[in-house]
């Protein structure tokens, strides 16, 4: 049995921590939300009063936090000062590459092994233990990191050295954001042209327009049973979170001197949708904007 400190029990972290407990590990969990902490306890975790308390004595420390500033602060104030010698540190947050590399450098300087390991798969994947992990770490450390992540994963892939996990995540989600807009535009156009949505879906899913945003996460209700579009776009991956990832991608592109015009347009559309009050809806609800509906 491994003792795991899990810090950050939101929509993603709560399910991830629960799966570590299901795997038989001793999970010391912390979150600023009392309700989130109570759910973790109900799922088999032990509540810690502070992040630092959770970290003490842990073999592995996993963080799942909103932004780079939170990760930097938790590592500086709680993880690095209080983690035991030899602990494995894994940050699963989606943050900027610069912050990931800065925290990695601090962890390594303090004598720890560190990985940035953001995830893909949404809240449903976190609950089911079917997330895809994109890992940035020293190659020699991956053999110890992979089994720690397996209770939460369907795939664990080393993307490269520190920061590469974050780079993979923001590039992947830029593809996702752009492709969802394209699929939604196509549904909106098909509707205007008198083509039934189910017929367009049947044809496109077997043609060159096939993609994950169409066949696994269709924005049009009634076509993919598990898609958030069938739940009035509740749950899933929030528009505000997609906007966050697209902003990270655009910031990285600007710093790297990369041209990402479609990513920039996607960011602008999701920013508009968010300002219209749709930040809490699944990002596939962008279809409503393109159909001229109120979110």
C-alpha atoms as a PDB file:
ATOM      1  CA  UNK A   1       0.000   0.000   0.000  1.00  0.00           C
ATOM      2  CA  UNK A   2       1.302   3.422  -1.005  1.00  0.00           C
ATOM      3  CA  UNK A   3       0.546   6.530   1.034  1.00  0.00           C
ATOM      4  CA  UNK A   4      -0.640   9.227  -1.345  1.00  0.00           C
ATOM      5  CA  UNK A   5      -1.226  12.892  -0.618  1.00  0.00           C
ATOM      6  CA  UNK A   6      -3.867  14.295  -2.971  1.00  0.00           C
ATOM      7  CA  UNK A   7      -4.281  18.079  -3.040  1.00  0.00           C
ATOM      8  CA  UNK A   8      -7.157  19.515  -5.082  1.00  0.00           C
ATOM      9  CA  UNK A   9     -10.466  17.651  -5.103  1.00  0.00           C
ATOM     10  CA  UNK A  10     -12.536  19.541  -7.681  1.00  0.00           C
ATOM     11  CA  UNK A  11     -14.434  18.091 -10.645  1.00  0.00           C
ATOM     12  CA  UNK A  12     -11.340  16.160 -11.737  1.00  0.00           C
ATOM     13  CA  UNK A  13      -9.357  15.651  -8.541  1.00  0.00           C
ATOM     14  CA  UNK A  14     -12.241  14.203  -6.556  1.00  0.00           C
ATOM     15  CA  UNK A  15     -12.723  11.258  -8.899  1.00  0.00           C
ATOM     16  CA  UNK A  16      -8.986  10.754  -9.287  1.00  0.00           C
ATOM     17  CA  UNK A  17      -8.416  10.592  -5.519  1.00  0.00           C
ATOM     18  CA  UNK A  18     -11.341   8.185  -5.151  1.00  0.00           C
ATOM     19  CA  UNK A  19      -9.782   5.813  -7.689  1.00  0.00           C
ATOM     20  CA  UNK A  20      -6.503   5.833  -5.776  1.00  0.00           C
ATOM     21  CA  UNK A  21      -8.421   4.831  -2.655  1.00  0.00           C
ATOM     22  CA  UNK A  22     -10.254   2.096  -4.607  1.00  0.00           C
ATOM     23  CA  UNK A  23      -6.874   0.748  -5.690  1.00  0.00           C
ATOM     24  CA  UNK A  24      -6.078   0.140  -2.026  1.00  0.00           C
ATOM     25  CA  UNK A  25      -3.797   3.094  -1.384  1.00  0.00           C
ATOM     26  CA  UNK A  26      -3.939   5.221   1.759  1.00  0.00           C
ATOM     27  CA  UNK A  27      -5.005   8.635   0.470  1.00  0.00           C
ATOM     28  CA  UNK A  28      -4.590  11.757   2.602  1.00  0.00           C
ATOM     29  CA  UNK A  29      -6.688  14.387   0.835  1.00  0.00           C
ATOM     30  CA  UNK A  30      -7.015  18.158   1.096  1.00  0.00           C
ATOM     31  CA  UNK A  31      -9.131  20.816  -0.569  1.00  0.00           C
ATOM     32  CA  UNK A  32     -10.240  24.291   0.453  1.00  0.00           C
ATOM     33  CA  UNK A  33     -13.838  23.174  -0.149  1.00  0.00           C
ATOM     34  CA  UNK A  34     -15.324  21.362   2.831  1.00  0.00           C
ATOM     35  CA  UNK A  35     -17.929  19.727   0.583  1.00  0.00           C
ATOM     36  CA  UNK A  36     -15.252  18.379  -1.768  1.00  0.00           C
ATOM     37  CA  UNK A  37     -13.316  17.032   1.202  1.00  0.00           C
ATOM     38  CA  UNK A  38     -16.425  15.315   2.550  1.00  0.00           C
ATOM     39  CA  UNK A  39     -16.998  13.605  -0.808  1.00  0.00           C
ATOM     40  CA  UNK A  40     -13.396  12.385  -0.785  1.00  0.00           C
ATOM     41  CA  UNK A  41     -13.829  10.946   2.712  1.00  0.00           C
ATOM     42  CA  UNK A  42     -17.002   9.166   1.577  1.00  0.00           C
ATOM     43  CA  UNK A  43     -14.946   7.674  -1.268  1.00  0.00           C
ATOM     44  CA  UNK A  44     -12.375   6.214   1.118  1.00  0.00           C
ATOM     45  CA  UNK A  45      -9.859   9.023   1.573  1.00  0.00           C
ATOM     46  CA  UNK A  46      -8.703  10.519   4.874  1.00  0.00           C
ATOM     47  CA  UNK A  47      -9.203  14.249   5.357  1.00  0.00           C
ATOM     48  CA  UNK A  48      -6.196  16.438   6.106  1.00  0.00           C
ATOM     49  CA  UNK A  49      -6.603  19.808   7.808  1.00  0.00           C
ATOM     50  CA  UNK A  50      -4.063  21.500   5.533  1.00  0.00           C
ATOM     51  CA  UNK A  51      -2.140  20.764   2.358  1.00  0.00           C
ATOM     52  CA  UNK A  52       1.038  20.522   4.391  1.00  0.00           C
ATOM     53  CA  UNK A  53      -0.512  17.971   6.731  1.00  0.00           C
ATOM     54  CA  UNK A  54      -1.579  15.856   3.746  1.00  0.00           C
ATOM     55  CA  UNK A  55       1.961  15.869   2.380  1.00  0.00           C
ATOM     56  CA  UNK A  56       3.717  14.757   5.566  1.00  0.00           C
ATOM     57  CA  UNK A  57       4.822  11.130   5.362  1.00  0.00           C
ATOM     58  CA  UNK A  58       3.410  10.586   1.855  1.00  0.00           C
ATOM     59  CA  UNK A  59       5.252   8.379  -0.630  1.00  0.00           C
ATOM     60  CA  UNK A  60       3.591  10.214  -3.523  1.00  0.00           C
ATOM     61  CA  UNK A  61       2.188  13.748  -3.707  1.00  0.00           C
ATOM     62  CA  UNK A  62      -0.396  14.446  -6.440  1.00  0.00           C
ATOM     63  CA  UNK A  63      -1.703  17.958  -7.064  1.00  0.00           C
ATOM     64  CA  UNK A  64      -4.708  18.901  -9.216  1.00  0.00           C
ATOM     65  CA  UNK A  65      -5.073  22.693  -9.035  1.00  0.00           C
ATOM     66  CA  UNK A  66      -6.672  25.466 -11.125  1.00  0.00           C
ATOM     67  CA  UNK A  67      -3.667  27.426 -12.434  1.00  0.00           C
ATOM     68  CA  UNK A  68       0.092  27.858 -12.432  1.00  0.00           C
ATOM     69  CA  UNK A  69       0.009  30.379  -9.591  1.00  0.00           C
ATOM     70  CA  UNK A  70      -1.730  27.849  -7.328  1.00  0.00           C
ATOM     71  CA  UNK A  71       0.758  25.107  -8.185  1.00  0.00           C
ATOM     72  CA  UNK A  72       3.730  27.389  -7.539  1.00  0.00           C
ATOM     73  CA  UNK A  73       2.292  28.483  -4.185  1.00  0.00           C
ATOM     74  CA  UNK A  74       1.385  24.990  -2.950  1.00  0.00           C
ATOM     75  CA  UNK A  75       4.789  23.632  -3.905  1.00  0.00           C
ATOM     76  CA  UNK A  76       6.649  26.541  -2.300  1.00  0.00           C
ATOM     77  CA  UNK A  77       4.598  26.623   0.900  1.00  0.00           C
ATOM     78  CA  UNK A  78       3.493  23.036   1.468  1.00  0.00           C
ATOM     79  CA  UNK A  79       5.002  20.368  -0.770  1.00  0.00           C
ATOM     80  CA  UNK A  80       8.714  21.098  -0.946  1.00  0.00           C
ATOM     81  CA  UNK A  81       9.137  22.103   2.728  1.00  0.00           C
ATOM     82  CA  UNK A  82       7.172  19.127   4.107  1.00  0.00           C
ATOM     83  CA  UNK A  83       7.501  16.202   1.687  1.00  0.00           C
ATOM     84  CA  UNK A  84       9.606  13.337   2.991  1.00  0.00           C
ATOM     85  CA  UNK A  85      12.914  12.474   1.348  1.00  0.00           C
ATOM     86  CA  UNK A  86      12.417  10.294  -1.695  1.00  0.00           C
ATOM     87  CA  UNK A  87       8.761  11.235  -2.248  1.00  0.00           C
ATOM     88  CA  UNK A  88       7.542  11.242  -5.843  1.00  0.00           C
ATOM     89  CA  UNK A  89       5.863  14.534  -6.817  1.00  0.00           C
ATOM     90  CA  UNK A  90       3.292  14.597  -9.635  1.00  0.00           C
ATOM     91  CA  UNK A  91       1.334  17.652 -10.746  1.00  0.00           C
ATOM     92  CA  UNK A  92      -1.735  16.776 -12.823  1.00  0.00           C
ATOM     93  CA  UNK A  93      -2.979  20.361 -13.179  1.00  0.00           C
ATOM     94  CA  UNK A  94      -3.217  22.001 -16.592  1.00  0.00           C
ATOM     95  CA  UNK A  95      -0.907  25.013 -16.338  1.00  0.00           C
ATOM     96  CA  UNK A  96       1.515  27.020 -18.432  1.00  0.00           C
ATOM     97  CA  UNK A  97       4.698  25.290 -19.564  1.00  0.00           C
ATOM     98  CA  UNK A  98       6.874  27.934 -17.893  1.00  0.00           C
ATOM     99  CA  UNK A  99       5.346  27.279 -14.459  1.00  0.00           C
ATOM    100  CA  UNK A 100       5.653  23.516 -14.897  1.00  0.00           C
ATOM    101  CA  UNK A 101       9.352  23.803 -15.705  1.00  0.00           C
ATOM    102  CA  UNK A 102       9.960  26.254 -12.864  1.00  0.00           C
ATOM    103  CA  UNK A 103       8.327  23.957 -10.288  1.00  0.00           C
ATOM    104  CA  UNK A 104      10.206  20.976 -11.728  1.00  0.00           C
ATOM    105  CA  UNK A 105      13.517  22.802 -11.350  1.00  0.00           C
ATOM    106  CA  UNK A 106      12.718  23.670  -7.732  1.00  0.00           C
ATOM    107  CA  UNK A 107      11.689  20.093  -6.954  1.00  0.00           C
ATOM    108  CA  UNK A 108      14.795  18.598  -8.529  1.00  0.00           C
ATOM    109  CA  UNK A 109      17.022  21.121  -6.730  1.00  0.00           C
ATOM    110  CA  UNK A 110      15.417  20.021  -3.455  1.00  0.00           C
ATOM    111  CA  UNK A 111      16.231  16.377  -4.241  1.00  0.00           C
ATOM    112  CA  UNK A 112      12.815  15.171  -5.424  1.00  0.00           C
ATOM    113  CA  UNK A 113      11.627  13.373  -8.555  1.00  0.00           C
ATOM    114  CA  UNK A 114       8.925  15.402 -10.319  1.00  0.00           C
ATOM    115  CA  UNK A 115       6.507  14.982 -13.227  1.00  0.00           C
ATOM    116  CA  UNK A 116       4.017  17.292 -14.890  1.00  0.00           C
ATOM    117  CA  UNK A 117       1.190  14.951 -15.901  1.00  0.00           C
ATOM    118  CA  UNK A 118      -1.918  16.772 -17.154  1.00  0.00           C
ATOM    119  CA  UNK A 119      -4.891  14.693 -18.220  1.00  0.00           C
ATOM    120  CA  UNK A 120      -7.482  14.317 -20.950  1.00  0.00           C
ATOM    121  CA  UNK A 121     -10.848  12.662 -20.474  1.00  0.00           C
ATOM    122  CA  UNK A 122     -12.975  15.111 -18.477  1.00  0.00           C
ATOM    123  CA  UNK A 123     -14.876  14.573 -15.255  1.00  0.00           C
ATOM    124  CA  UNK A 124     -16.422  11.346 -16.549  1.00  0.00           C
ATOM    125  CA  UNK A 125     -12.962   9.929 -17.214  1.00  0.00           C
ATOM    126  CA  UNK A 126     -11.795  11.022 -13.778  1.00  0.00           C
ATOM    127  CA  UNK A 127     -14.709   9.170 -12.162  1.00  0.00           C
ATOM    128  CA  UNK A 128     -14.258   6.062 -14.313  1.00  0.00           C
ATOM    129  CA  UNK A 129     -10.470   5.928 -14.037  1.00  0.00           C
ATOM    130  CA  UNK A 130     -10.066   6.225 -17.805  1.00  0.00           C
ATOM    131  CA  UNK A 131      -7.988   9.395 -18.149  1.00  0.00           C
ATOM    132  CA  UNK A 132      -5.116   9.821 -20.587  1.00  0.00           C
ATOM    133  CA  UNK A 133      -2.005  11.161 -18.865  1.00  0.00           C
ATOM    134  CA  UNK A 134       0.625  13.168 -20.766  1.00  0.00           C
ATOM    135  CA  UNK A 135       3.777  12.986 -18.690  1.00  0.00           C
ATOM    136  CA  UNK A 136       6.772  15.290 -18.667  1.00  0.00           C
ATOM    137  CA  UNK A 137       9.591  13.787 -16.616  1.00  0.00           C
ATOM    138  CA  UNK A 138      13.141  12.497 -16.576  1.00  0.00           C
ATOM    139  CA  UNK A 139      13.089   9.280 -18.605  1.00  0.00           C
ATOM    140  CA  UNK A 140      14.559   7.205 -15.778  1.00  0.00           C
ATOM    141  CA  UNK A 141      11.695   8.250 -13.451  1.00  0.00           C
ATOM    142  CA  UNK A 142       8.865   7.139 -15.739  1.00  0.00           C
ATOM    143  CA  UNK A 143       8.984   3.504 -14.605  1.00  0.00           C
ATOM    144  CA  UNK A 144       8.003   4.644 -11.095  1.00  0.00           C
ATOM    145  CA  UNK A 145       5.496   7.272 -12.248  1.00  0.00           C
ATOM    146  CA  UNK A 146       3.447   5.051 -14.588  1.00  0.00           C
ATOM    147  CA  UNK A 147       2.162   2.563 -11.969  1.00  0.00           C
ATOM    148  CA  UNK A 148       1.171   5.437  -9.651  1.00  0.00           C
ATOM    149  CA  UNK A 149      -1.056   6.888 -12.374  1.00  0.00           C
ATOM    150  CA  UNK A 150      -2.513   3.586 -13.610  1.00  0.00           C
ATOM    151  CA  UNK A 151      -5.484   3.433 -11.149  1.00  0.00           C
ATOM    152  CA  UNK A 152      -6.734   6.674 -12.724  1.00  0.00           C
ATOM    153  CA  UNK A 153      -5.826   5.948 -16.342  1.00  0.00           C
ATOM    154  CA  UNK A 154      -6.560   4.242 -19.627  1.00  0.00           C
ATOM    155  CA  UNK A 155      -3.288   5.532 -21.059  1.00  0.00           C
ATOM    156  CA  UNK A 156      -0.075   6.918 -19.548  1.00  0.00           C
ATOM    157  CA  UNK A 157       2.332   8.345 -22.129  1.00  0.00           C
ATOM    158  CA  UNK A 158       5.667  10.015 -21.547  1.00  0.00           C
ATOM    159  CA  UNK A 159       5.665  13.114 -23.743  1.00  0.00           C
ATOM    160  CA  UNK A 160       9.257  14.089 -22.975  1.00  0.00           C
ATOM    161  CA  UNK A 161      11.184  15.956 -20.309  1.00  0.00           C
ATOM    162  CA  UNK A 162       9.758  18.411 -17.745  1.00  0.00           C
ATOM    163  CA  UNK A 163       7.144  20.685 -19.335  1.00  0.00           C
ATOM    164  CA  UNK A 164       6.433  18.323 -22.230  1.00  0.00           C
ATOM    165  CA  UNK A 165       3.264  17.024 -20.579  1.00  0.00           C
ATOM    166  CA  UNK A 166       1.841  20.537 -20.431  1.00  0.00           C
ATOM    167  CA  UNK A 167       2.915  21.210 -24.013  1.00  0.00           C
ATOM    168  CA  UNK A 168       1.101  18.073 -25.178  1.00  0.00           C
ATOM    169  CA  UNK A 169      -2.030  18.969 -23.215  1.00  0.00           C
ATOM    170  CA  UNK A 170      -2.437  22.494 -24.557  1.00  0.00           C
ATOM    171  CA  UNK A 171      -1.735  21.385 -28.136  1.00  0.00           C
ATOM    172  CA  UNK A 172      -4.249  18.533 -27.825  1.00  0.00           C
ATOM    173  CA  UNK A 173      -6.927  20.793 -26.384  1.00  0.00           C
ATOM    174  CA  UNK A 174      -6.363  23.387 -29.088  1.00  0.00           C
ATOM    175  CA  UNK A 175      -7.193  20.651 -31.610  1.00  0.00           C
ATOM    176  CA  UNK A 176     -10.262  19.759 -29.552  1.00  0.00           C
ATOM    177  CA  UNK A 177     -11.511  23.337 -29.268  1.00  0.00           C
ATOM    178  CA  UNK A 178     -11.054  24.035 -32.972  1.00  0.00           C
ATOM    179  CA  UNK A 179     -12.604  20.738 -34.085  1.00  0.00           C
ATOM    180  CA  UNK A 180     -15.677  21.219 -31.873  1.00  0.00           C
ATOM    181  CA  UNK A 181     -16.320  24.599 -33.469  1.00  0.00           C
ATOM    182  CA  UNK A 182     -15.962  23.092 -36.945  1.00  0.00           C
ATOM    183  CA  UNK A 183     -18.358  20.243 -36.116  1.00  0.00           C
ATOM    184  CA  UNK A 184     -20.863  22.682 -34.605  1.00  0.00           C
ATOM    185  CA  UNK A 185     -20.653  24.963 -37.639  1.00  0.00           C
ATOM    186  CA  UNK A 186     -21.332  21.962 -39.870  1.00  0.00           C
ATOM    187  CA  UNK A 187     -24.413  20.955 -37.854  1.00  0.00           C
ATOM    188  CA  UNK A 188     -25.703  24.545 -37.974  1.00  0.00           C
ATOM    189  CA  UNK A 189     -25.163  24.720 -41.741  1.00  0.00           C
ATOM    190  CA  UNK A 190     -26.761  21.308 -42.319  1.00  0.00           C
ATOM    191  CA  UNK A 191     -29.826  22.498 -40.402  1.00  0.00           C
ATOM    192  CA  UNK A 192     -30.107  25.642 -42.559  1.00  0.00           C
ATOM    193  CA  UNK A 193     -29.791  23.528 -45.699  1.00  0.00           C
ATOM    194  CA  UNK A 194     -32.597  21.213 -44.628  1.00  0.00           C
ATOM    195  CA  UNK A 195     -30.369  18.216 -43.909  1.00  0.00           C
ATOM    196  CA  UNK A 196     -31.551  16.241 -40.878  1.00  0.00           C
ATOM    197  CA  UNK A 197     -28.947  16.250 -38.083  1.00  0.00           C
ATOM    198  CA  UNK A 198     -29.076  12.473 -37.668  1.00  0.00           C
ATOM    199  CA  UNK A 199     -28.491  11.962 -41.400  1.00  0.00           C
ATOM    200  CA  UNK A 200     -25.581  14.398 -41.432  1.00  0.00           C
ATOM    201  CA  UNK A 201     -24.157  12.582 -38.404  1.00  0.00           C
ATOM    202  CA  UNK A 202     -24.559   9.169 -40.049  1.00  0.00           C
ATOM    203  CA  UNK A 203     -22.821  10.338 -43.210  1.00  0.00           C
ATOM    204  CA  UNK A 204     -20.047  12.436 -41.673  1.00  0.00           C
ATOM    205  CA  UNK A 205     -19.198   9.786 -39.084  1.00  0.00           C
ATOM    206  CA  UNK A 206     -18.433   7.391 -41.944  1.00  0.00           C
ATOM    207  CA  UNK A 207     -16.738   9.969 -44.155  1.00  0.00           C
ATOM    208  CA  UNK A 208     -13.733  12.268 -44.092  1.00  0.00           C
ATOM    209  CA  UNK A 209     -15.404  14.589 -41.568  1.00  0.00           C
ATOM    210  CA  UNK A 210     -15.180  11.925 -38.869  1.00  0.00           C
ATOM    211  CA  UNK A 211     -13.475  13.095 -35.657  1.00  0.00           C
ATOM    212  CA  UNK A 212     -13.768  12.671 -31.878  1.00  0.00           C
ATOM    213  CA  UNK A 213     -15.822  15.859 -31.495  1.00  0.00           C
ATOM    214  CA  UNK A 214     -18.393  14.401 -33.899  1.00  0.00           C
ATOM    215  CA  UNK A 215     -18.609  10.709 -33.084  1.00  0.00           C
ATOM    216  CA  UNK A 216     -17.710  10.551 -29.394  1.00  0.00           C
ATOM    217  CA  UNK A 217     -18.899  13.933 -28.120  1.00  0.00           C
ATOM    218  CA  UNK A 218     -21.505  15.139 -30.574  1.00  0.00           C
ATOM    219  CA  UNK A 219     -22.725  18.674 -29.800  1.00  0.00           C
ATOM    220  CA  UNK A 220     -26.149  17.871 -31.297  1.00  0.00           C
ATOM    221  CA  UNK A 221     -28.420  16.200 -28.715  1.00  0.00           C
ATOM    222  CA  UNK A 222     -29.684  12.670 -29.232  1.00  0.00           C
ATOM    223  CA  UNK A 223     -26.841  11.330 -31.342  1.00  0.00           C
ATOM    224  CA  UNK A 224     -24.235  10.119 -28.818  1.00  0.00           C
ATOM    225  CA  UNK A 225     -25.792   8.766 -25.647  1.00  0.00           C
ATOM    226  CA  UNK A 226     -22.940   9.718 -23.311  1.00  0.00           C
ATOM    227  CA  UNK A 227     -22.380  13.236 -24.676  1.00  0.00           C
ATOM    228  CA  UNK A 228     -23.181  16.247 -22.433  1.00  0.00           C
ATOM    229  CA  UNK A 229     -25.459  17.580 -25.197  1.00  0.00           C
ATOM    230  CA  UNK A 230     -27.978  15.003 -23.961  1.00  0.00           C
ATOM    231  CA  UNK A 231     -27.883  16.561 -20.480  1.00  0.00           C
ATOM    232  CA  UNK A 232     -28.498  20.157 -21.544  1.00  0.00           C
ATOM    233  CA  UNK A 233     -24.704  20.526 -21.739  1.00  0.00           C
ATOM    234  CA  UNK A 234     -24.274  20.013 -18.008  1.00  0.00           C
ATOM    235  CA  UNK A 235     -21.206  18.205 -16.707  1.00  0.00           C
ATOM    236  CA  UNK A 236     -18.378  17.323 -19.034  1.00  0.00           C
ATOM    237  CA  UNK A 237     -15.689  19.905 -19.795  1.00  0.00           C
ATOM    238  CA  UNK A 238     -16.778  23.447 -18.968  1.00  0.00           C
ATOM    239  CA  UNK A 239     -16.522  26.252 -21.507  1.00  0.00           C
ATOM    240  CA  UNK A 240     -14.511  28.274 -18.983  1.00  0.00           C
ATOM    241  CA  UNK A 241     -11.962  25.451 -18.756  1.00  0.00           C
ATOM    242  CA  UNK A 242     -11.683  25.158 -22.529  1.00  0.00           C
ATOM    243  CA  UNK A 243     -11.150  28.917 -22.684  1.00  0.00           C
ATOM    244  CA  UNK A 244      -8.410  28.615 -20.055  1.00  0.00           C
ATOM    245  CA  UNK A 245      -6.609  25.952 -22.114  1.00  0.00           C
ATOM    246  CA  UNK A 246      -6.924  27.949 -25.331  1.00  0.00           C
ATOM    247  CA  UNK A 247      -5.477  30.989 -23.567  1.00  0.00           C
ATOM    248  CA  UNK A 248      -2.560  28.838 -22.396  1.00  0.00           C
ATOM    249  CA  UNK A 249      -2.037  27.670 -25.972  1.00  0.00           C
ATOM    250  CA  UNK A 250      -2.069  31.219 -27.320  1.00  0.00           C
ATOM    251  CA  UNK A 251       0.325  32.395 -24.627  1.00  0.00           C
ATOM    252  CA  UNK A 252       2.686  29.528 -25.440  1.00  0.00           C
ATOM    253  CA  UNK A 253       2.394  30.231 -29.166  1.00  0.00           C
ATOM    254  CA  UNK A 254       3.269  33.895 -28.651  1.00  0.00           C
ATOM    255  CA  UNK A 255       6.328  33.010 -26.573  1.00  0.00           C
ATOM    256  CA  UNK A 256       7.467  30.339 -29.031  1.00  0.00           C
ATOM    257  CA  UNK A 257       6.814  32.439 -32.130  1.00  0.00           C
ATOM    258  CA  UNK A 258       4.332  29.901 -33.532  1.00  0.00           C
ATOM    259  CA  UNK A 259       1.459  30.811 -35.853  1.00  0.00           C
ATOM    260  CA  UNK A 260      -1.887  29.466 -34.589  1.00  0.00           C
ATOM    261  CA  UNK A 261      -4.640  31.451 -36.353  1.00  0.00           C
ATOM    262  CA  UNK A 262      -7.348  28.812 -35.872  1.00  0.00           C
ATOM    263  CA  UNK A 263      -6.451  28.508 -32.198  1.00  0.00           C
ATOM    264  CA  UNK A 264      -6.745  32.278 -31.862  1.00  0.00           C
ATOM    265  CA  UNK A 265     -10.185  32.277 -33.501  1.00  0.00           C
ATOM    266  CA  UNK A 266     -11.322  29.441 -31.243  1.00  0.00           C
ATOM    267  CA  UNK A 267     -10.177  31.371 -28.190  1.00  0.00           C
ATOM    268  CA  UNK A 268     -12.112  34.436 -29.332  1.00  0.00           C
ATOM    269  CA  UNK A 269     -15.324  32.449 -29.883  1.00  0.00           C
ATOM    270  CA  UNK A 270     -15.131  30.686 -26.526  1.00  0.00           C
ATOM    271  CA  UNK A 271     -14.339  33.994 -24.819  1.00  0.00           C
ATOM    272  CA  UNK A 272     -17.513  35.471 -26.341  1.00  0.00           C
ATOM    273  CA  UNK A 273     -19.538  32.419 -25.309  1.00  0.00           C
ATOM    274  CA  UNK A 274     -18.146  32.638 -21.787  1.00  0.00           C
ATOM    275  CA  UNK A 275     -19.044  36.345 -21.534  1.00  0.00           C
ATOM    276  CA  UNK A 276     -22.582  35.495 -22.581  1.00  0.00           C
ATOM    277  CA  UNK A 277     -22.911  33.428 -19.423  1.00  0.00           C
ATOM    278  CA  UNK A 278     -22.069  29.944 -20.734  1.00  0.00           C
ATOM    279  CA  UNK A 279     -18.855  29.434 -18.772  1.00  0.00           C
ATOM    280  CA  UNK A 280     -20.334  26.601 -16.723  1.00  0.00           C
ATOM    281  CA  UNK A 281     -21.787  24.726 -19.690  1.00  0.00           C
ATOM    282  CA  UNK A 282     -19.926  21.998 -21.517  1.00  0.00           C
ATOM    283  CA  UNK A 283     -17.811  23.461 -24.309  1.00  0.00           C
ATOM    284  CA  UNK A 284     -19.843  21.597 -26.958  1.00  0.00           C
ATOM    285  CA  UNK A 285     -22.685  24.029 -26.185  1.00  0.00           C
ATOM    286  CA  UNK A 286     -20.867  26.399 -28.563  1.00  0.00           C
ATOM    287  CA  UNK A 287     -23.374  24.922 -31.038  1.00  0.00           C
ATOM    288  CA  UNK A 288     -26.031  27.108 -29.380  1.00  0.00           C
ATOM    289  CA  UNK A 289     -24.055  30.256 -30.187  1.00  0.00           C
ATOM    290  CA  UNK A 290     -23.586  29.192 -33.803  1.00  0.00           C
ATOM    291  CA  UNK A 291     -27.322  28.442 -34.135  1.00  0.00           C
ATOM    292  CA  UNK A 292     -28.149  31.894 -32.758  1.00  0.00           C
ATOM    293  CA  UNK A 293     -29.600  30.571 -29.509  1.00  0.00           C
ATOM    294  CA  UNK A 294     -29.191  32.074 -26.058  1.00  0.00           C
ATOM    295  CA  UNK A 295     -26.868  29.981 -23.850  1.00  0.00           C
END
